Structure formats: C-alpha cells, structure tokens
Amino acid sequence: MENQTQDKIISTGDDQELNYWSKEFGIAKEELIAVFKQGGTFASAVENYVKNLQYSL
C-alpha cells in the first residue's frame, strides 16, 4: 500500500475514489471522511492516521 499512497490526494467529492480508499484502509466511508478532518486528504497522511488509531485501540 505504501507505493499507492505516496503523495496521492484523495478526492473527497468522488464516491468511487472514497469507496476504493475506504476498502484499502479497511474503514467505512464515513470514517474515512471523518479522518480527512483530522489528518488531511493525502493518502499517506490518512494511512498514518488509521495506523495510529489501530495501535491506540
């Protein structure tokens, strides 16, 4: 997944892209949108945010 997330900006207005990335990160689309507010829309930032959430659980 690292190569795919490198500097990629996730389009928040594209349902197909949101579905792809929510599946890629293993989270619901609604959770992905919430992560944007915390970590930004760069795929690498979202990936890091999701990883940190998993470690804190």
PDB file of N, CA and C in Angstrom:
ATOM      1  N   MET A   1       0.817  -1.199   0.000  1.00  0.00           N
ATOM      2  CA  MET A   1       0.000   0.000   0.000  1.00  0.00           C
ATOM      3  C   MET A   1       0.858   1.259   0.000  1.00  0.00           C
ATOM      4  N   GLU A   2       2.069   1.199   0.508  1.00  0.00           N
ATOM      5  CA  GLU A   2       2.933   2.367   0.613  1.00  0.00           C
ATOM      6  C   GLU A   2       3.104   3.090  -0.721  1.00  0.00           C
ATOM      7  N   ASN A   3       3.367   2.359  -1.810  1.00  0.00           N
ATOM      8  CA  ASN A   3       3.592   2.992  -3.106  1.00  0.00           C
ATOM      9  C   ASN A   3       2.354   3.696  -3.622  1.00  0.00           C
ATOM     10  N   GLN A   4       1.178   3.143  -3.375  1.00  0.00           N
ATOM     11  CA  GLN A   4      -0.055   3.754  -3.846  1.00  0.00           C
ATOM     12  C   GLN A   4      -0.377   5.033  -3.090  1.00  0.00           C
ATOM     13  N   THR A   5       0.018   5.120  -1.830  1.00  0.00           N
ATOM     14  CA  THR A   5      -0.342   6.274  -1.023  1.00  0.00           C
ATOM     15  C   THR A   5       0.639   7.426  -1.147  1.00  0.00           C
ATOM     16  N   GLN A   6       1.790   7.199  -1.756  1.00  0.00           N
ATOM     17  CA  GLN A   6       2.833   8.217  -1.854  1.00  0.00           C
ATOM     18  C   GLN A   6       2.313   9.471  -2.550  1.00  0.00           C
ATOM     19  N   ASP A   7       2.118  10.555  -1.799  1.00  0.00           N
ATOM     20  CA  ASP A   7       1.718  11.862  -2.317  1.00  0.00           C
ATOM     21  C   ASP A   7       0.380  11.878  -3.056  1.00  0.00           C
ATOM     22  N   LYS A   8      -0.431  10.867  -2.923  1.00  0.00           N
ATOM     23  CA  LYS A   8      -1.741  10.819  -3.575  1.00  0.00           C
ATOM     24  C   LYS A   8      -2.749  11.598  -2.740  1.00  0.00           C
ATOM     25  N   ILE A   9      -3.471  12.509  -3.379  1.00  0.00           N
ATOM     26  CA  ILE A   9      -4.545  13.233  -2.702  1.00  0.00           C
ATOM     27  C   ILE A   9      -5.852  12.515  -3.007  1.00  0.00           C
ATOM     28  N   ILE A  10      -6.593  12.196  -1.961  1.00  0.00           N
ATOM     29  CA  ILE A  10      -7.876  11.514  -2.123  1.00  0.00           C
ATOM     30  C   ILE A  10      -8.937  12.563  -2.425  1.00  0.00           C
ATOM     31  N   SER A  11      -9.670  12.363  -3.494  1.00  0.00           N
ATOM     32  CA  SER A  11     -10.738  13.277  -3.879  1.00  0.00           C
ATOM     33  C   SER A  11     -11.955  13.035  -2.996  1.00  0.00           C
ATOM     34  N   THR A  12     -12.291  14.024  -2.186  1.00  0.00           N
ATOM     35  CA  THR A  12     -13.404  13.870  -1.247  1.00  0.00           C
ATOM     36  C   THR A  12     -14.765  13.926  -1.929  1.00  0.00           C
ATOM     37  N   GLY A  13     -14.818  14.389  -3.158  1.00  0.00           N
ATOM     38  CA  GLY A  13     -16.083  14.501  -3.862  1.00  0.00           C
ATOM     39  C   GLY A  13     -16.355  13.361  -4.830  1.00  0.00           C
ATOM     40  N   ASP A  14     -15.498  12.366  -4.860  1.00  0.00           N
ATOM     41  CA  ASP A  14     -15.615  11.255  -5.804  1.00  0.00           C
ATOM     42  C   ASP A  14     -15.966   9.976  -5.047  1.00  0.00           C
ATOM     43  N   ASP A  15     -17.233   9.552  -5.139  1.00  0.00           N
ATOM     44  CA  ASP A  15     -17.696   8.362  -4.411  1.00  0.00           C
ATOM     45  C   ASP A  15     -16.894   7.116  -4.757  1.00  0.00           C
ATOM     46  N   GLN A  16     -16.546   6.953  -6.020  1.00  0.00           N
ATOM     47  CA  GLN A  16     -15.777   5.775  -6.430  1.00  0.00           C
ATOM     48  C   GLN A  16     -14.408   5.770  -5.741  1.00  0.00           C
ATOM     49  N   GLU A  17     -13.785   6.922  -5.684  1.00  0.00           N
ATOM     50  CA  GLU A  17     -12.482   7.010  -5.028  1.00  0.00           C
ATOM     51  C   GLU A  17     -12.614   6.813  -3.519  1.00  0.00           C
ATOM     52  N   LEU A  18     -13.650   7.367  -2.911  1.00  0.00           N
ATOM     53  CA  LEU A  18     -13.883   7.166  -1.476  1.00  0.00           C
ATOM     54  C   LEU A  18     -14.107   5.691  -1.168  1.00  0.00           C
ATOM     55  N   ASN A  19     -14.873   5.024  -2.015  1.00  0.00           N
ATOM     56  CA  ASN A  19     -15.104   3.588  -1.819  1.00  0.00           C
ATOM     57  C   ASN A  19     -13.803   2.800  -1.934  1.00  0.00           C
ATOM     58  N   TYR A  20     -12.987   3.140  -2.920  1.00  0.00           N
ATOM     59  CA  TYR A  20     -11.705   2.454  -3.100  1.00  0.00           C
ATOM     60  C   TYR A  20     -10.834   2.613  -1.858  1.00  0.00           C
ATOM     61  N   TRP A  21     -10.644   3.849  -1.400  1.00  0.00           N
ATOM     62  CA  TRP A  21      -9.734   4.097  -0.283  1.00  0.00           C
ATOM     63  C   TRP A  21     -10.290   3.581   1.036  1.00  0.00           C
ATOM     64  N   SER A  22     -11.596   3.632   1.222  1.00  0.00           N
ATOM     65  CA  SER A  22     -12.146   3.081   2.467  1.00  0.00           C
ATOM     66  C   SER A  22     -11.905   1.575   2.522  1.00  0.00           C
ATOM     67  N   LYS A  23     -12.025   0.910   1.374  1.00  0.00           N
ATOM     68  CA  LYS A  23     -11.729  -0.522   1.320  1.00  0.00           C
ATOM     69  C   LYS A  23     -10.233  -0.765   1.528  1.00  0.00           C
ATOM     70  N   GLU A  24      -9.405   0.050   0.906  1.00  0.00           N
ATOM     71  CA  GLU A  24      -7.945  -0.087   1.017  1.00  0.00           C
ATOM     72  C   GLU A  24      -7.476   0.057   2.471  1.00  0.00           C
ATOM     73  N   PHE A  25      -8.086   0.992   3.207  1.00  0.00           N
ATOM     74  CA  PHE A  25      -7.693   1.227   4.595  1.00  0.00           C
ATOM     75  C   PHE A  25      -8.488   0.386   5.587  1.00  0.00           C
ATOM     76  N   GLY A  26      -9.521  -0.299   5.098  1.00  0.00           N
ATOM     77  CA  GLY A  26     -10.305  -1.165   5.975  1.00  0.00           C
ATOM     78  C   GLY A  26     -11.209  -0.414   6.929  1.00  0.00           C
ATOM     79  N   ILE A  27     -11.710   0.743   6.480  1.00  0.00           N
ATOM     80  CA  ILE A  27     -12.619   1.528   7.309  1.00  0.00           C
ATOM     81  C   ILE A  27     -13.835   1.924   6.478  1.00  0.00           C
ATOM     82  N   ALA A  28     -14.916   2.274   7.158  1.00  0.00           N
ATOM     83  CA  ALA A  28     -16.137   2.713   6.468  1.00  0.00           C
ATOM     84  C   ALA A  28     -15.889   4.062   5.788  1.00  0.00           C
ATOM     85  N   LYS A  29     -16.654   4.319   4.739  1.00  0.00           N
ATOM     86  CA  LYS A  29     -16.512   5.576   4.007  1.00  0.00           C
ATOM     87  C   LYS A  29     -16.736   6.775   4.932  1.00  0.00           C
ATOM     88  N   GLU A  30     -17.684   6.660   5.843  1.00  0.00           N
ATOM     89  CA  GLU A  30     -17.966   7.736   6.789  1.00  0.00           C
ATOM     90  C   GLU A  30     -16.769   7.985   7.710  1.00  0.00           C
ATOM     91  N   GLU A  31     -16.109   6.895   8.108  1.00  0.00           N
ATOM     92  CA  GLU A  31     -14.903   7.025   8.939  1.00  0.00           C
ATOM     93  C   GLU A  31     -13.787   7.704   8.154  1.00  0.00           C
ATOM     94  N   LEU A  32     -13.659   7.345   6.887  1.00  0.00           N
ATOM     95  CA  LEU A  32     -12.641   7.946   6.032  1.00  0.00           C
ATOM     96  C   LEU A  32     -12.855   9.456   5.940  1.00  0.00           C
ATOM     97  N   ILE A  33     -14.085   9.867   5.753  1.00  0.00           N
ATOM     98  CA  ILE A  33     -14.401  11.294   5.665  1.00  0.00           C
ATOM     99  C   ILE A  33     -14.071  11.989   6.980  1.00  0.00           C
ATOM    100  N   ALA A  34     -14.352  11.333   8.106  1.00  0.00           N
ATOM    101  CA  ALA A  34     -14.011  11.900   9.416  1.00  0.00           C
ATOM    102  C   ALA A  34     -12.499  12.025   9.576  1.00  0.00           C
ATOM    103  N   VAL A  35     -11.754  11.061   9.052  1.00  0.00           N
ATOM    104  CA  VAL A  35     -10.287  11.103   9.134  1.00  0.00           C
ATOM    105  C   VAL A  35      -9.747  12.297   8.355  1.00  0.00           C
ATOM    106  N   PHE A  36     -10.388  12.658   7.240  1.00  0.00           N
ATOM    107  CA  PHE A  36      -9.948  13.813   6.460  1.00  0.00           C
ATOM    108  C   PHE A  36      -9.883  15.060   7.336  1.00  0.00           C
ATOM    109  N   LYS A  37     -10.838  15.202   8.235  1.00  0.00           N
ATOM    110  CA  LYS A  37     -10.893  16.377   9.103  1.00  0.00           C
ATOM    111  C   LYS A  37      -9.745  16.386  10.110  1.00  0.00           C
ATOM    112  N   GLN A  38      -9.239  15.216  10.456  1.00  0.00           N
ATOM    113  CA  GLN A  38      -8.156  15.106  11.435  1.00  0.00           C
ATOM    114  C   GLN A  38      -6.776  15.040  10.786  1.00  0.00           C
ATOM    115  N   GLY A  39      -6.680  14.301   9.681  1.00  0.00           N
ATOM    116  CA  GLY A  39      -5.360  14.029   9.109  1.00  0.00           C
ATOM    117  C   GLY A  39      -5.117  14.578   7.725  1.00  0.00           C
ATOM    118  N   GLY A  40      -6.114  15.202   7.110  1.00  0.00           N
ATOM    119  CA  GLY A  40      -5.944  15.714   5.760  1.00  0.00           C
ATOM    120  C   GLY A  40      -6.347  14.692   4.710  1.00  0.00           C
ATOM    121  N   THR A  41      -6.205  15.055   3.443  1.00  0.00           N
ATOM    122  CA  THR A  41      -6.658  14.200   2.352  1.00  0.00           C
ATOM    123  C   THR A  41      -5.526  13.515   1.595  1.00  0.00           C
ATOM    124  N   PHE A  42      -4.281  13.702   2.019  1.00  0.00           N
ATOM    125  CA  PHE A  42      -3.198  12.928   1.422  1.00  0.00           C
ATOM    126  C   PHE A  42      -3.338  11.487   1.886  1.00  0.00           C
ATOM    127  N   ALA A  43      -3.290  10.556   0.950  1.00  0.00           N
ATOM    128  CA  ALA A  43      -3.468   9.143   1.290  1.00  0.00           C
ATOM    129  C   ALA A  43      -2.444   8.690   2.321  1.00  0.00           C
ATOM    130  N   SER A  44      -1.217   9.176   2.214  1.00  0.00           N
ATOM    131  CA  SER A  44      -0.187   8.778   3.181  1.00  0.00           C
ATOM    132  C   SER A  44      -0.521   9.282   4.581  1.00  0.00           C
ATOM    133  N   ALA A  45      -1.095  10.480   4.687  1.00  0.00           N
ATOM    134  CA  ALA A  45      -1.490  11.017   5.994  1.00  0.00           C
ATOM    135  C   ALA A  45      -2.651  10.220   6.571  1.00  0.00           C
ATOM    136  N   VAL A  46      -3.608   9.867   5.715  1.00  0.00           N
ATOM    137  CA  VAL A  46      -4.744   9.055   6.162  1.00  0.00           C
ATOM    138  C   VAL A  46      -4.244   7.694   6.618  1.00  0.00           C
ATOM    139  N   GLU A  47      -3.343   7.100   5.860  1.00  0.00           N
ATOM    140  CA  GLU A  47      -2.788   5.800   6.219  1.00  0.00           C
ATOM    141  C   GLU A  47      -2.121   5.859   7.596  1.00  0.00           C
ATOM    142  N   ASN A  48      -1.317   6.879   7.827  1.00  0.00           N
ATOM    143  CA  ASN A  48      -0.654   7.031   9.124  1.00  0.00           C
ATOM    144  C   ASN A  48      -1.666   7.233  10.240  1.00  0.00           C
ATOM    145  N   TYR A  49      -2.681   8.031   9.990  1.00  0.00           N
ATOM    146  CA  TYR A  49      -3.715   8.290  10.992  1.00  0.00           C
ATOM    147  C   TYR A  49      -4.443   7.000  11.353  1.00  0.00           C
ATOM    148  N   VAL A  50      -4.818   6.219  10.350  1.00  0.00           N
ATOM    149  CA  VAL A  50      -5.529   4.955  10.581  1.00  0.00           C
ATOM    150  C   VAL A  50      -4.632   3.981  11.342  1.00  0.00           C
ATOM    151  N   LYS A  51      -3.364   3.904  10.975  1.00  0.00           N
ATOM    152  CA  LYS A  51      -2.426   3.026  11.689  1.00  0.00           C
ATOM    153  C   LYS A  51      -2.324   3.423  13.157  1.00  0.00           C
ATOM    154  N   ASN A  52      -2.237   4.720  13.423  1.00  0.00           N
ATOM    155  CA  ASN A  52      -2.151   5.196  14.803  1.00  0.00           C
ATOM    156  C   ASN A  52      -3.420   4.878  15.577  1.00  0.00           C
ATOM    157  N   LEU A  53      -4.571   4.958  14.929  1.00  0.00           N
ATOM    158  CA  LEU A  53      -5.830   4.596  15.585  1.00  0.00           C
ATOM    159  C   LEU A  53      -5.827   3.125  15.967  1.00  0.00           C
ATOM    160  N   GLN A  54      -5.349   2.289  15.074  1.00  0.00           N
ATOM    161  CA  GLN A  54      -5.325   0.851  15.331  1.00  0.00           C
ATOM    162  C   GLN A  54      -4.396   0.517  16.489  1.00  0.00           C
ATOM    163  N   TYR A  55      -3.282   1.223  16.597  1.00  0.00           N
ATOM    164  CA  TYR A  55      -2.332   0.963  17.678  1.00  0.00           C
ATOM    165  C   TYR A  55      -2.860   1.448  19.023  1.00  0.00           C
ATOM    166  N   SER A  56      -3.714   2.476  19.002  1.00  0.00           N
ATOM    167  CA  SER A  56      -4.208   3.023  20.264  1.00  0.00           C
ATOM    168  C   SER A  56      -5.406   2.256  20.807  1.00  0.00           C
ATOM    169  N   LEU A  57      -5.957   1.338  20.013  1.00  0.00           N
ATOM    170  CA  LEU A  57      -7.118   0.565  20.474  1.00  0.00           C
ATOM    171  C   LEU A  57      -6.735  -0.564  21.374  1.00  0.00           C
TER     172      LEU A  57
END
